[in-house]
Amino acid sequence: MGIKVVATNRKAHHEYFLLDTYEAGIALQGSEIKSIRAGRVSLAQAYVTVEANEVWLVNAHVAPYEQANRYNHDPLRRRKLLLHQKEIREIWGNVRQKGVTIVPLRMYLKEGRAKVEIAVAKGKKLYDKRADLAERDAQREMDRQVKKRDY
């Protein structure tokens, strides 16, 4: 049984330099795991905070599960991330630096359990983003030329 990716944060690679990545479990309510298994998750506006030696996933949208009726969950509630204390201390030490934040990269199911991959990241400047786009376009053009030569 492998990994089933449920949601990705595509903007994270474009907006940030990713320094360290961590895998964290998520404390969920019953109806949330059913929505996650159905793939009804969005990490577009989500971010991670560290408060009192606990790590929280904030603003991640997990759609309400339709069959849960009145026992449903709040789609935007804060969810506790499950990490070892050593990892939390490492993350907190990195985040105290200026310009460093924690972003969720992807949410996936691993051996039936919901996990989220988070990264300690530093924001890119506009010129860094432009350089990345130019590099990607140049690579794409080189690949086209090589492919054209092969025929």
C-alpha atoms as a PDB file:
ATOM      1  CA  MET A   1       0.000   0.000   0.000  1.00  0.00           C
ATOM      2  CA  GLY A   2       1.626   3.220  -1.183  1.00  0.00           C
ATOM      3  CA  ILE A   3       0.981   6.901  -0.914  1.00  0.00           C
ATOM      4  CA  LYS A   4      -2.148   8.508  -2.362  1.00  0.00           C
ATOM      5  CA  VAL A   5      -1.692  12.266  -2.767  1.00  0.00           C
ATOM      6  CA  VAL A   6      -4.942  14.033  -1.925  1.00  0.00           C
ATOM      7  CA  ALA A   7      -3.990  17.717  -2.276  1.00  0.00           C
ATOM      8  CA  THR A   8      -0.924  19.731  -3.234  1.00  0.00           C
ATOM      9  CA  ASN A   9       0.035  23.340  -2.702  1.00  0.00           C
ATOM     10  CA  ARG A  10       1.331  24.228  -6.156  1.00  0.00           C
ATOM     11  CA  LYS A  11       2.143  27.825  -5.292  1.00  0.00           C
ATOM     12  CA  ALA A  12       4.547  26.852  -2.514  1.00  0.00           C
ATOM     13  CA  HIS A  13       7.424  26.001  -4.874  1.00  0.00           C
ATOM     14  CA  HIS A  14       6.856  29.228  -6.808  1.00  0.00           C
ATOM     15  CA  GLU A  15       6.497  31.545  -3.797  1.00  0.00           C
ATOM     16  CA  TYR A  16       9.150  30.119  -1.426  1.00  0.00           C
ATOM     17  CA  PHE A  17      12.637  28.621  -1.179  1.00  0.00           C
ATOM     18  CA  LEU A  18      12.031  25.351   0.673  1.00  0.00           C
ATOM     19  CA  LEU A  19      14.673  24.779   3.366  1.00  0.00           C
ATOM     20  CA  ASP A  20      13.564  21.684   5.366  1.00  0.00           C
ATOM     21  CA  THR A  21      10.611  19.327   4.980  1.00  0.00           C
ATOM     22  CA  TYR A  22       8.797  17.323   7.639  1.00  0.00           C
ATOM     23  CA  GLU A  23       6.043  14.704   7.601  1.00  0.00           C
ATOM     24  CA  ALA A  24       3.322  15.274  10.186  1.00  0.00           C
ATOM     25  CA  GLY A  25       0.204  13.388  11.176  1.00  0.00           C
ATOM     26  CA  ILE A  26      -3.075  15.267  11.557  1.00  0.00           C
ATOM     27  CA  ALA A  27      -5.544  15.104  14.455  1.00  0.00           C
ATOM     28  CA  LEU A  28      -8.910  14.784  12.692  1.00  0.00           C
ATOM     29  CA  GLN A  29     -12.585  14.360  13.485  1.00  0.00           C
ATOM     30  CA  GLY A  30     -14.502  11.396  12.075  1.00  0.00           C
ATOM     31  CA  SER A  31     -16.154  13.124   9.133  1.00  0.00           C
ATOM     32  CA  GLU A  32     -12.910  14.859   8.107  1.00  0.00           C
ATOM     33  CA  ILE A  33     -11.038  11.672   7.221  1.00  0.00           C
ATOM     34  CA  LYS A  34     -13.917  10.628   4.964  1.00  0.00           C
ATOM     35  CA  SER A  35     -13.718  13.933   3.073  1.00  0.00           C
ATOM     36  CA  ILE A  36      -9.931  13.637   2.838  1.00  0.00           C
ATOM     37  CA  ARG A  37     -10.206  10.112   1.426  1.00  0.00           C
ATOM     38  CA  ALA A  38     -12.646  11.502  -1.151  1.00  0.00           C
ATOM     39  CA  GLY A  39     -10.024  14.114  -2.098  1.00  0.00           C
ATOM     40  CA  ARG A  40     -12.097  17.135  -1.084  1.00  0.00           C
ATOM     41  CA  VAL A  41      -9.215  19.172   0.387  1.00  0.00           C
ATOM     42  CA  SER A  42      -7.616  22.505  -0.512  1.00  0.00           C
ATOM     43  CA  LEU A  43      -4.270  23.757   0.808  1.00  0.00           C
ATOM     44  CA  ALA A  44      -4.243  26.941  -1.292  1.00  0.00           C
ATOM     45  CA  GLN A  45      -4.712  29.402   1.613  1.00  0.00           C
ATOM     46  CA  ALA A  46      -3.292  27.174   4.353  1.00  0.00           C
ATOM     47  CA  TYR A  47      -0.360  27.932   6.620  1.00  0.00           C
ATOM     48  CA  VAL A  48       1.211  26.449   9.741  1.00  0.00           C
ATOM     49  CA  THR A  49       1.777  28.077  13.139  1.00  0.00           C
ATOM     50  CA  VAL A  50       3.688  27.025  16.245  1.00  0.00           C
ATOM     51  CA  GLU A  51       2.033  27.903  19.560  1.00  0.00           C
ATOM     52  CA  ALA A  52       2.983  26.607  23.021  1.00  0.00           C
ATOM     53  CA  ASN A  53       4.982  23.622  21.720  1.00  0.00           C
ATOM     54  CA  GLU A  54       2.150  22.581  19.413  1.00  0.00           C
ATOM     55  CA  VAL A  55       1.998  22.890  15.625  1.00  0.00           C
ATOM     56  CA  TRP A  56      -1.312  23.836  13.982  1.00  0.00           C
ATOM     57  CA  LEU A  57      -2.516  23.674  10.380  1.00  0.00           C
ATOM     58  CA  VAL A  58      -4.626  26.792   9.846  1.00  0.00           C
ATOM     59  CA  ASN A  59      -7.024  27.646   7.010  1.00  0.00           C
ATOM     60  CA  ALA A  60      -6.842  24.281   5.235  1.00  0.00           C
ATOM     61  CA  HIS A  61     -10.250  23.638   3.704  1.00  0.00           C
ATOM     62  CA  VAL A  62     -11.636  20.116   4.209  1.00  0.00           C
ATOM     63  CA  ALA A  63     -15.103  20.041   2.634  1.00  0.00           C
ATOM     64  CA  PRO A  64     -17.993  18.873   4.827  1.00  0.00           C
ATOM     65  CA  TYR A  65     -18.855  15.205   4.371  1.00  0.00           C
ATOM     66  CA  GLU A  66     -22.372  15.038   2.942  1.00  0.00           C
ATOM     67  CA  GLN A  67     -23.506  11.903   4.795  1.00  0.00           C
ATOM     68  CA  ALA A  68     -22.408  13.244   8.209  1.00  0.00           C
ATOM     69  CA  ASN A  69     -25.375  15.684   8.411  1.00  0.00           C
ATOM     70  CA  ARG A  70     -25.484  17.351  11.859  1.00  0.00           C
ATOM     71  CA  TYR A  71     -22.263  15.679  13.084  1.00  0.00           C
ATOM     72  CA  ASN A  72     -20.233  17.443  10.417  1.00  0.00           C
ATOM     73  CA  HIS A  73     -17.055  19.436  11.034  1.00  0.00           C
ATOM     74  CA  ASP A  74     -16.169  23.085  10.416  1.00  0.00           C
ATOM     75  CA  PRO A  75     -14.382  23.152   7.023  1.00  0.00           C
ATOM     76  CA  LEU A  76     -11.759  25.733   8.065  1.00  0.00           C
ATOM     77  CA  ARG A  77     -11.081  24.680  11.650  1.00  0.00           C
ATOM     78  CA  ARG A  78      -7.524  24.574  13.020  1.00  0.00           C
ATOM     79  CA  ARG A  79      -6.056  21.083  12.994  1.00  0.00           C
ATOM     80  CA  LYS A  80      -3.277  19.952  15.288  1.00  0.00           C
ATOM     81  CA  LEU A  81      -0.242  18.463  13.553  1.00  0.00           C
ATOM     82  CA  LEU A  82       1.422  15.514  15.213  1.00  0.00           C
ATOM     83  CA  LEU A  83       5.212  15.813  15.371  1.00  0.00           C
ATOM     84  CA  HIS A  84       7.954  14.748  17.769  1.00  0.00           C
ATOM     85  CA  GLN A  85       9.014  17.393  20.306  1.00  0.00           C
ATOM     86  CA  LYS A  86      12.508  17.465  18.779  1.00  0.00           C
ATOM     87  CA  GLU A  87      11.039  18.294  15.363  1.00  0.00           C
ATOM     88  CA  ILE A  88       8.828  21.007  16.877  1.00  0.00           C
ATOM     89  CA  ARG A  89      11.881  22.583  18.541  1.00  0.00           C
ATOM     90  CA  GLU A  90      13.813  22.490  15.246  1.00  0.00           C
ATOM     91  CA  ILE A  91      10.922  24.112  13.389  1.00  0.00           C
ATOM     92  CA  TRP A  92      10.474  26.771  16.074  1.00  0.00           C
ATOM     93  CA  GLY A  93      14.211  27.547  16.010  1.00  0.00           C
ATOM     94  CA  ASN A  94      14.067  28.075  12.243  1.00  0.00           C
ATOM     95  CA  VAL A  95      10.871  30.138  12.268  1.00  0.00           C
ATOM     96  CA  ARG A  96      12.236  32.661  14.750  1.00  0.00           C
ATOM     97  CA  GLN A  97      14.588  33.868  11.996  1.00  0.00           C
ATOM     98  CA  LYS A  98      13.343  36.816   9.981  1.00  0.00           C
ATOM     99  CA  GLY A  99      11.508  35.975   6.773  1.00  0.00           C
ATOM    100  CA  VAL A 100      11.088  32.263   7.502  1.00  0.00           C
ATOM    101  CA  THR A 101       7.668  30.598   7.653  1.00  0.00           C
ATOM    102  CA  ILE A 102       6.105  27.145   7.536  1.00  0.00           C
ATOM    103  CA  VAL A 103       3.997  26.126   4.554  1.00  0.00           C
ATOM    104  CA  PRO A 104       2.076  22.904   3.853  1.00  0.00           C
ATOM    105  CA  LEU A 105       3.227  21.276   0.609  1.00  0.00           C
ATOM    106  CA  ARG A 106       0.878  18.325   0.183  1.00  0.00           C
ATOM    107  CA  MET A 107      -1.624  16.174   2.016  1.00  0.00           C
ATOM    108  CA  TYR A 108      -1.641  12.448   1.397  1.00  0.00           C
ATOM    109  CA  LEU A 109      -2.788   9.098   2.738  1.00  0.00           C
ATOM    110  CA  LYS A 110      -0.033   6.755   3.876  1.00  0.00           C
ATOM    111  CA  GLU A 111      -1.021   3.322   5.149  1.00  0.00           C
ATOM    112  CA  GLY A 112      -4.565   4.586   5.697  1.00  0.00           C
ATOM    113  CA  ARG A 113      -3.512   7.592   7.772  1.00  0.00           C
ATOM    114  CA  ALA A 114      -3.727  11.232   6.699  1.00  0.00           C
ATOM    115  CA  LYS A 115      -0.359  12.973   6.632  1.00  0.00           C
ATOM    116  CA  VAL A 116       0.731  16.442   5.624  1.00  0.00           C
ATOM    117  CA  GLU A 117       4.166  17.384   4.338  1.00  0.00           C
ATOM    118  CA  ILE A 118       5.242  20.753   5.680  1.00  0.00           C
ATOM    119  CA  ALA A 119       8.306  22.808   4.835  1.00  0.00           C
ATOM    120  CA  VAL A 120      10.268  25.523   6.558  1.00  0.00           C
ATOM    121  CA  ALA A 121      10.476  28.117   3.798  1.00  0.00           C
ATOM    122  CA  LYS A 122      11.850  31.554   3.018  1.00  0.00           C
ATOM    123  CA  GLY A 123       9.874  33.886   0.757  1.00  0.00           C
ATOM    124  CA  LYS A 124      11.169  34.585  -2.740  1.00  0.00           C
ATOM    125  CA  LYS A 125      11.575  38.059  -4.102  1.00  0.00           C
ATOM    126  CA  LEU A 126       9.983  38.983  -7.429  1.00  0.00           C
ATOM    127  CA  TYR A 127      13.302  38.763  -9.284  1.00  0.00           C
ATOM    128  CA  ASP A 128      13.842  35.231  -7.923  1.00  0.00           C
ATOM    129  CA  LYS A 129      10.462  34.185  -9.302  1.00  0.00           C
ATOM    130  CA  ARG A 130      11.318  35.705 -12.686  1.00  0.00           C
ATOM    131  CA  ALA A 131      14.656  33.904 -12.751  1.00  0.00           C
ATOM    132  CA  ASP A 132      12.919  30.594 -12.025  1.00  0.00           C
ATOM    133  CA  LEU A 133      10.441  31.192 -14.849  1.00  0.00           C
ATOM    134  CA  ALA A 134      13.238  32.081 -17.283  1.00  0.00           C
ATOM    135  CA  GLU A 135      15.194  28.972 -16.268  1.00  0.00           C
ATOM    136  CA  ARG A 136      12.140  26.767 -16.716  1.00  0.00           C
ATOM    137  CA  ASP A 137      11.426  28.271 -20.167  1.00  0.00           C
ATOM    138  CA  ALA A 138      15.050  27.748 -21.242  1.00  0.00           C
ATOM    139  CA  GLN A 139      14.936  24.108 -20.082  1.00  0.00           C
ATOM    140  CA  ARG A 140      11.664  23.561 -21.942  1.00  0.00           C
ATOM    141  CA  GLU A 141      13.168  25.039 -25.129  1.00  0.00           C
ATOM    142  CA  MET A 142      16.262  22.809 -24.840  1.00  0.00           C
ATOM    143  CA  ASP A 143      14.039  19.759 -24.380  1.00  0.00           C
ATOM    144  CA  ARG A 144      12.089  20.731 -27.508  1.00  0.00           C
ATOM    145  CA  GLN A 145      15.282  21.057 -29.531  1.00  0.00           C
ATOM    146  CA  VAL A 146      16.551  17.669 -28.351  1.00  0.00           C
ATOM    147  CA  LYS A 147      13.212  16.066 -29.126  1.00  0.00           C
ATOM    148  CA  LYS A 148      13.165  17.673 -32.587  1.00  0.00           C
ATOM    149  CA  ARG A 149      16.683  16.343 -33.288  1.00  0.00           C
ATOM    150  CA  ASP A 150      15.661  12.804 -32.337  1.00  0.00           C
ATOM    151  CA  TYR A 151      13.103  12.618 -35.185  1.00  0.00           C
END
